[in-house]
Amino acid sequence: MQSAAKYTFDTEFRTDGDLVSAVARGRQKKSLTQEELDEVCAEARTEGMNAGQVRAQEAIAAAAHDAAQAIAAALAQIAHDYEVLRSEAADIALAAARKLARSALAALPAAEVEAMLREAMHQAIGEPRILLRAAPAVAEAISRHLTDIAHEEGYDGRVQISADPSLKDADCRIEWRGGGAERAESTIEAAIADLIARRFAIQEITKEQSDVGR
């Protein structure tokens, strides 16, 4: 007894000829010619090359992005280190200047006070009297040749010197009726520190403007 075969409706019977359905044709084993095989291989090769080029371009772009970030970070670190070194250099220069100035003034404080007195005589040339307040040792040193100083500067008024123990080294105060002058080491140091700070501030503003311009 023969087993029954399942009818799959693969063939449509027509008067003008039987027609095999698309599903049936898909189930049929299809053999390709060499030309068709070469075409399929060429398409696959082209797709593979295109995909490889895309991946290579993506890798290059990622590497360029990473390199740009690394360069930006390095530049930022360099700028930070530069600011730190510049600030430290300013502190060292200021400390050295203070030490040298103190040493010089401690060695010859009277010379600095004498220079100020001579300048004050020019400013108070028509005044009848000038009063100089200075440290005791400085006052004593200048008083020895006070007459010569006044004569050399052409000052005809009277010059008085007062020893002031509260003043140190080359600190002094000079007074006359129309004005006065004062020298204080602390004021000079503050002025130097302010000058350095303003100088750095100007350089920083200039740098920022230059960065914006770029």
C-alpha atoms as a PDB file:
ATOM      1  CA  MET A   1       0.000   0.000   0.000  1.00  0.00           C
ATOM      2  CA  GLN A   2       1.447   3.327  -1.139  1.00  0.00           C
ATOM      3  CA  SER A   3       1.623   6.230   1.365  1.00  0.00           C
ATOM      4  CA  ALA A   4      -0.287   9.394   0.474  1.00  0.00           C
ATOM      5  CA  ALA A   5       1.770  12.442  -0.639  1.00  0.00           C
ATOM      6  CA  LYS A   6       0.912  15.837   0.817  1.00  0.00           C
ATOM      7  CA  TYR A   7      -0.251  18.287  -1.792  1.00  0.00           C
ATOM      8  CA  THR A   8       1.564  21.550  -1.358  1.00  0.00           C
ATOM      9  CA  PHE A   9      -0.136  23.637  -4.026  1.00  0.00           C
ATOM     10  CA  ASP A  10       3.260  24.369  -5.572  1.00  0.00           C
ATOM     11  CA  THR A  11       1.946  23.994  -9.110  1.00  0.00           C
ATOM     12  CA  GLU A  12      -0.922  25.866 -10.649  1.00  0.00           C
ATOM     13  CA  PHE A  13      -2.437  23.941 -13.550  1.00  0.00           C
ATOM     14  CA  ARG A  14      -3.439  26.159 -16.454  1.00  0.00           C
ATOM     15  CA  THR A  15      -4.640  25.558 -19.955  1.00  0.00           C
ATOM     16  CA  ASP A  16      -1.721  27.532 -21.301  1.00  0.00           C
ATOM     17  CA  GLY A  17       0.772  25.648 -19.209  1.00  0.00           C
ATOM     18  CA  ASP A  18       1.510  24.778 -15.618  1.00  0.00           C
ATOM     19  CA  LEU A  19       2.897  27.575 -13.399  1.00  0.00           C
ATOM     20  CA  VAL A  20       5.227  26.892 -10.444  1.00  0.00           C
ATOM     21  CA  SER A  21       4.639  29.231  -7.482  1.00  0.00           C
ATOM     22  CA  ALA A  22       7.325  31.590  -6.141  1.00  0.00           C
ATOM     23  CA  VAL A  23       7.433  29.683  -2.842  1.00  0.00           C
ATOM     24  CA  ALA A  24       8.079  26.479  -4.715  1.00  0.00           C
ATOM     25  CA  ARG A  25      10.814  28.068  -6.762  1.00  0.00           C
ATOM     26  CA  GLY A  26      12.401  29.324  -3.511  1.00  0.00           C
ATOM     27  CA  ARG A  27      12.470  25.767  -2.183  1.00  0.00           C
ATOM     28  CA  GLN A  28      14.142  24.495  -5.258  1.00  0.00           C
ATOM     29  CA  LYS A  29      17.886  24.225  -5.149  1.00  0.00           C
ATOM     30  CA  LYS A  30      19.368  26.852  -7.385  1.00  0.00           C
ATOM     31  CA  SER A  31      22.792  26.490  -8.947  1.00  0.00           C
ATOM     32  CA  LEU A  32      24.784  29.608  -9.900  1.00  0.00           C
ATOM     33  CA  THR A  33      26.963  30.069 -12.875  1.00  0.00           C
ATOM     34  CA  GLN A  34      30.607  30.997 -12.503  1.00  0.00           C
ATOM     35  CA  GLU A  35      29.817  34.521 -13.672  1.00  0.00           C
ATOM     36  CA  GLU A  36      27.143  34.889 -11.017  1.00  0.00           C
ATOM     37  CA  LEU A  37      29.489  33.521  -8.365  1.00  0.00           C
ATOM     38  CA  ASP A  38      32.175  36.015  -9.402  1.00  0.00           C
ATOM     39  CA  GLU A  39      29.654  38.855  -9.193  1.00  0.00           C
ATOM     40  CA  VAL A  40      28.511  37.822  -5.716  1.00  0.00           C
ATOM     41  CA  CYS A  41      32.134  37.568  -4.545  1.00  0.00           C
ATOM     42  CA  ALA A  42      32.952  40.992  -5.999  1.00  0.00           C
ATOM     43  CA  GLU A  43      29.956  42.567  -4.227  1.00  0.00           C
ATOM     44  CA  ALA A  44      30.937  40.928  -0.937  1.00  0.00           C
ATOM     45  CA  ARG A  45      34.530  42.087  -1.368  1.00  0.00           C
ATOM     46  CA  THR A  46      33.407  45.670  -2.090  1.00  0.00           C
ATOM     47  CA  GLU A  47      31.092  45.703   0.926  1.00  0.00           C
ATOM     48  CA  GLY A  48      33.899  44.368   3.108  1.00  0.00           C
ATOM     49  CA  MET A  49      36.341  47.016   1.871  1.00  0.00           C
ATOM     50  CA  ASN A  50      33.806  49.794   2.415  1.00  0.00           C
ATOM     51  CA  ALA A  51      33.088  48.569   5.933  1.00  0.00           C
ATOM     52  CA  GLY A  52      36.829  48.408   6.652  1.00  0.00           C
ATOM     53  CA  GLN A  53      37.360  51.957   5.397  1.00  0.00           C
ATOM     54  CA  VAL A  54      34.515  53.208   7.579  1.00  0.00           C
ATOM     55  CA  ARG A  55      35.987  51.506  10.631  1.00  0.00           C
ATOM     56  CA  ALA A  56      39.440  52.910   9.797  1.00  0.00           C
ATOM     57  CA  GLN A  57      38.046  56.450   9.462  1.00  0.00           C
ATOM     58  CA  GLU A  58      36.173  56.073  12.741  1.00  0.00           C
ATOM     59  CA  ALA A  59      39.388  54.888  14.438  1.00  0.00           C
ATOM     60  CA  ILE A  60      41.335  57.849  12.993  1.00  0.00           C
ATOM     61  CA  ALA A  61      38.670  60.302  14.158  1.00  0.00           C
ATOM     62  CA  ALA A  62      38.664  58.784  17.657  1.00  0.00           C
ATOM     63  CA  ALA A  63      42.477  58.938  17.816  1.00  0.00           C
ATOM     64  CA  ALA A  64      42.465  62.572  16.646  1.00  0.00           C
ATOM     65  CA  HIS A  65      39.888  63.459  19.308  1.00  0.00           C
ATOM     66  CA  ASP A  66      41.941  61.765  22.025  1.00  0.00           C
ATOM     67  CA  ALA A  67      45.099  63.527  20.815  1.00  0.00           C
ATOM     68  CA  ALA A  68      43.334  66.915  20.842  1.00  0.00           C
ATOM     69  CA  GLN A  69      42.150  66.330  24.402  1.00  0.00           C
ATOM     70  CA  ALA A  70      45.652  65.283  25.495  1.00  0.00           C
ATOM     71  CA  ILE A  71      47.192  68.397  23.896  1.00  0.00           C
ATOM     72  CA  ALA A  72      44.579  70.666  25.521  1.00  0.00           C
ATOM     73  CA  ALA A  73      45.256  69.084  28.913  1.00  0.00           C
ATOM     74  CA  ALA A  74      49.024  69.471  28.433  1.00  0.00           C
ATOM     75  CA  LEU A  75      48.658  73.142  27.463  1.00  0.00           C
ATOM     76  CA  ALA A  76      46.438  73.793  30.477  1.00  0.00           C
ATOM     77  CA  GLN A  77      49.009  72.163  32.763  1.00  0.00           C
ATOM     78  CA  ILE A  78      51.821  74.189  31.188  1.00  0.00           C
ATOM     79  CA  ALA A  79      49.857  77.412  31.687  1.00  0.00           C
ATOM     80  CA  HIS A  80      49.191  76.489  35.326  1.00  0.00           C
ATOM     81  CA  ASP A  81      52.852  75.615  35.939  1.00  0.00           C
ATOM     82  CA  TYR A  82      53.908  78.888  34.302  1.00  0.00           C
ATOM     83  CA  GLU A  83      51.672  80.912  36.605  1.00  0.00           C
ATOM     84  CA  VAL A  84      53.005  79.050  39.643  1.00  0.00           C
ATOM     85  CA  LEU A  85      56.621  79.616  38.589  1.00  0.00           C
ATOM     86  CA  ARG A  86      55.962  83.268  37.817  1.00  0.00           C
ATOM     87  CA  SER A  87      54.389  83.816  41.222  1.00  0.00           C
ATOM     88  CA  GLU A  88      57.256  82.005  42.964  1.00  0.00           C
ATOM     89  CA  ALA A  89      59.820  84.019  40.979  1.00  0.00           C
ATOM     90  CA  ALA A  90      58.133  87.259  42.016  1.00  0.00           C
ATOM     91  CA  ASP A  91      58.152  86.201  45.671  1.00  0.00           C
ATOM     92  CA  ILE A  92      61.842  85.261  45.446  1.00  0.00           C
ATOM     93  CA  ALA A  93      62.723  88.536  43.707  1.00  0.00           C
ATOM     94  CA  LEU A  94      60.813  90.561  46.275  1.00  0.00           C
ATOM     95  CA  ALA A  95      62.441  88.698  49.173  1.00  0.00           C
ATOM     96  CA  ALA A  96      65.900  89.200  47.642  1.00  0.00           C
ATOM     97  CA  ALA A  97      65.226  92.887  47.039  1.00  0.00           C
ATOM     98  CA  ARG A  98      64.117  93.348  50.628  1.00  0.00           C
ATOM     99  CA  LYS A  99      67.184  91.602  51.983  1.00  0.00           C
ATOM    100  CA  LEU A 100      69.579  93.556  49.781  1.00  0.00           C
ATOM    101  CA  ALA A 101      67.867  96.858  50.537  1.00  0.00           C
ATOM    102  CA  ARG A 102      67.921  96.220  54.269  1.00  0.00           C
ATOM    103  CA  SER A 103      71.586  95.266  54.144  1.00  0.00           C
ATOM    104  CA  ALA A 104      72.471  98.381  52.167  1.00  0.00           C
ATOM    105  CA  LEU A 105      70.443 100.681  54.387  1.00  0.00           C
ATOM    106  CA  ALA A 106      71.815  99.084  57.518  1.00  0.00           C
ATOM    107  CA  ALA A 107      75.348  99.701  56.258  1.00  0.00           C
ATOM    108  CA  LEU A 108      74.819 103.296  55.086  1.00  0.00           C
ATOM    109  CA  PRO A 109      71.494 104.602  56.431  1.00  0.00           C
ATOM    110  CA  ALA A 110      72.739 108.191  56.680  1.00  0.00           C
ATOM    111  CA  ALA A 111      73.392 108.370  52.916  1.00  0.00           C
ATOM    112  CA  GLU A 112      69.738 107.665  52.115  1.00  0.00           C
ATOM    113  CA  VAL A 113      68.476 110.191  54.658  1.00  0.00           C
ATOM    114  CA  GLU A 114      70.963 112.793  53.429  1.00  0.00           C
ATOM    115  CA  ALA A 115      69.709 112.324  49.851  1.00  0.00           C
ATOM    116  CA  MET A 116      66.164 112.924  51.041  1.00  0.00           C
ATOM    117  CA  LEU A 117      67.226 116.014  52.985  1.00  0.00           C
ATOM    118  CA  ARG A 118      68.918 117.476  49.927  1.00  0.00           C
ATOM    119  CA  GLU A 119      65.786 116.902  47.859  1.00  0.00           C
ATOM    120  CA  ALA A 120      63.639 118.508  50.565  1.00  0.00           C
ATOM    121  CA  MET A 121      65.861 121.594  50.570  1.00  0.00           C
ATOM    122  CA  HIS A 122      65.090 122.097  46.875  1.00  0.00           C
ATOM    123  CA  GLN A 123      61.367 121.755  47.502  1.00  0.00           C
ATOM    124  CA  ALA A 124      61.462 124.109  50.520  1.00  0.00           C
ATOM    125  CA  ILE A 125      63.943 126.557  49.026  1.00  0.00           C
ATOM    126  CA  GLY A 126      61.963 129.596  50.198  1.00  0.00           C
ATOM    127  CA  GLU A 127      61.026 128.237  53.622  1.00  0.00           C
ATOM    128  CA  PRO A 128      62.727 129.677  56.740  1.00  0.00           C
ATOM    129  CA  ARG A 129      63.086 126.335  58.546  1.00  0.00           C
ATOM    130  CA  ILE A 130      63.337 122.589  57.908  1.00  0.00           C
ATOM    131  CA  LEU A 131      62.993 119.928  60.603  1.00  0.00           C
ATOM    132  CA  LEU A 132      64.543 116.502  60.079  1.00  0.00           C
ATOM    133  CA  ARG A 133      63.502 113.601  62.324  1.00  0.00           C
ATOM    134  CA  ALA A 134      65.731 110.532  62.049  1.00  0.00           C
ATOM    135  CA  ALA A 135      67.145 107.628  64.040  1.00  0.00           C
ATOM    136  CA  PRO A 136      69.651 108.805  66.694  1.00  0.00           C
ATOM    137  CA  ALA A 137      72.738 107.402  64.911  1.00  0.00           C
ATOM    138  CA  VAL A 138      71.647 108.895  61.574  1.00  0.00           C
ATOM    139  CA  ALA A 139      70.822 112.252  63.112  1.00  0.00           C
ATOM    140  CA  GLU A 140      74.250 112.385  64.721  1.00  0.00           C
ATOM    141  CA  ALA A 141      76.045 111.476  61.476  1.00  0.00           C
ATOM    142  CA  ILE A 142      74.238 114.109  59.393  1.00  0.00           C
ATOM    143  CA  SER A 143      74.529 116.871  61.958  1.00  0.00           C
ATOM    144  CA  ARG A 144      78.329 116.808  61.604  1.00  0.00           C
ATOM    145  CA  HIS A 145      78.222 118.266  58.085  1.00  0.00           C
ATOM    146  CA  LEU A 146      74.775 119.844  58.005  1.00  0.00           C
ATOM    147  CA  THR A 147      76.164 123.272  57.181  1.00  0.00           C
ATOM    148  CA  ASP A 148      77.998 121.936  54.150  1.00  0.00           C
ATOM    149  CA  ILE A 149      74.832 120.190  52.882  1.00  0.00           C
ATOM    150  CA  ALA A 150      72.771 123.380  53.126  1.00  0.00           C
ATOM    151  CA  HIS A 151      75.497 125.411  51.422  1.00  0.00           C
ATOM    152  CA  GLU A 152      75.849 122.897  48.561  1.00  0.00           C
ATOM    153  CA  GLU A 153      72.101 122.868  47.959  1.00  0.00           C
ATOM    154  CA  GLY A 154      71.751 126.668  48.231  1.00  0.00           C
ATOM    155  CA  TYR A 155      69.374 126.574  51.175  1.00  0.00           C
ATOM    156  CA  ASP A 156      69.561 129.691  53.352  1.00  0.00           C
ATOM    157  CA  GLY A 157      67.034 128.709  56.015  1.00  0.00           C
ATOM    158  CA  ARG A 158      67.628 127.022  59.339  1.00  0.00           C
ATOM    159  CA  VAL A 159      67.861 123.211  59.504  1.00  0.00           C
ATOM    160  CA  GLN A 160      67.028 121.395  62.739  1.00  0.00           C
ATOM    161  CA  ILE A 161      67.699 117.732  63.386  1.00  0.00           C
ATOM    162  CA  SER A 162      65.728 115.751  65.957  1.00  0.00           C
ATOM    163  CA  ALA A 163      66.792 112.242  67.043  1.00  0.00           C
ATOM    164  CA  ASP A 164      63.715 110.000  67.133  1.00  0.00           C
ATOM    165  CA  PRO A 165      64.269 106.547  68.731  1.00  0.00           C
ATOM    166  CA  SER A 166      61.039 105.263  67.126  1.00  0.00           C
ATOM    167  CA  LEU A 167      62.640 105.533  63.682  1.00  0.00           C
ATOM    168  CA  LYS A 168      64.952 102.776  62.437  1.00  0.00           C
ATOM    169  CA  ASP A 169      67.725 102.680  59.839  1.00  0.00           C
ATOM    170  CA  ALA A 170      66.941 105.086  56.983  1.00  0.00           C
ATOM    171  CA  ASP A 171      63.385 105.873  58.008  1.00  0.00           C
ATOM    172  CA  CYS A 172      62.907 109.614  58.488  1.00  0.00           C
ATOM    173  CA  ARG A 173      60.453 112.511  58.376  1.00  0.00           C
ATOM    174  CA  ILE A 174      61.218 115.973  57.014  1.00  0.00           C
ATOM    175  CA  GLU A 175      58.854 118.854  57.746  1.00  0.00           C
ATOM    176  CA  TRP A 176      58.605 122.487  56.698  1.00  0.00           C
ATOM    177  CA  ARG A 177      55.893 125.083  56.812  1.00  0.00           C
ATOM    178  CA  GLY A 178      54.562 124.415  53.306  1.00  0.00           C
ATOM    179  CA  GLY A 179      54.810 120.623  53.247  1.00  0.00           C
ATOM    180  CA  GLY A 180      56.872 117.618  54.204  1.00  0.00           C
ATOM    181  CA  ALA A 181      58.330 114.274  53.159  1.00  0.00           C
ATOM    182  CA  GLU A 182      58.609 110.880  54.783  1.00  0.00           C
ATOM    183  CA  ARG A 183      60.576 107.737  54.146  1.00  0.00           C
ATOM    184  CA  ALA A 184      59.381 104.428  55.619  1.00  0.00           C
ATOM    185  CA  GLU A 185      60.749 101.054  54.644  1.00  0.00           C
ATOM    186  CA  SER A 186      57.374  99.369  55.232  1.00  0.00           C
ATOM    187  CA  THR A 187      55.707 101.822  52.821  1.00  0.00           C
ATOM    188  CA  ILE A 188      58.359 101.167  50.178  1.00  0.00           C
ATOM    189  CA  GLU A 189      57.955  97.400  50.515  1.00  0.00           C
ATOM    190  CA  ALA A 190      54.176  97.723  50.202  1.00  0.00           C
ATOM    191  CA  ALA A 191      54.591  99.859  47.082  1.00  0.00           C
ATOM    192  CA  ILE A 192      56.949  97.293  45.525  1.00  0.00           C
ATOM    193  CA  ALA A 193      54.547  94.451  46.299  1.00  0.00           C
ATOM    194  CA  ASP A 194      51.667  96.452  44.810  1.00  0.00           C
ATOM    195  CA  LEU A 195      53.721  97.209  41.709  1.00  0.00           C
ATOM    196  CA  ILE A 196      54.487  93.521  41.182  1.00  0.00           C
ATOM    197  CA  ALA A 197      50.851  92.556  41.722  1.00  0.00           C
ATOM    198  CA  ARG A 198      49.633  95.183  39.243  1.00  0.00           C
ATOM    199  CA  ARG A 199      52.292  94.140  36.743  1.00  0.00           C
ATOM    200  CA  PHE A 200      51.126  90.539  36.904  1.00  0.00           C
ATOM    201  CA  ALA A 201      47.499  91.648  36.642  1.00  0.00           C
ATOM    202  CA  ILE A 202      48.264  93.636  33.480  1.00  0.00           C
ATOM    203  CA  GLN A 203      50.100  90.676  31.970  1.00  0.00           C
ATOM    204  CA  GLU A 204      47.176  88.385  32.810  1.00  0.00           C
ATOM    205  CA  ILE A 205      44.657  90.756  31.210  1.00  0.00           C
ATOM    206  CA  THR A 206      46.849  91.050  28.114  1.00  0.00           C
ATOM    207  CA  LYS A 207      47.131  87.266  27.900  1.00  0.00           C
ATOM    208  CA  GLU A 208      43.347  86.848  28.198  1.00  0.00           C
ATOM    209  CA  GLN A 209      42.749  89.446  25.489  1.00  0.00           C
ATOM    210  CA  SER A 210      45.261  87.692  23.252  1.00  0.00           C
ATOM    211  CA  ASP A 211      43.512  84.349  23.822  1.00  0.00           C
ATOM    212  CA  VAL A 212      40.143  85.911  22.949  1.00  0.00           C
ATOM    213  CA  GLY A 213      41.634  87.447  19.811  1.00  0.00           C
ATOM    214  CA  ARG A 214      42.791  84.045  18.636  1.00  0.00           C
END
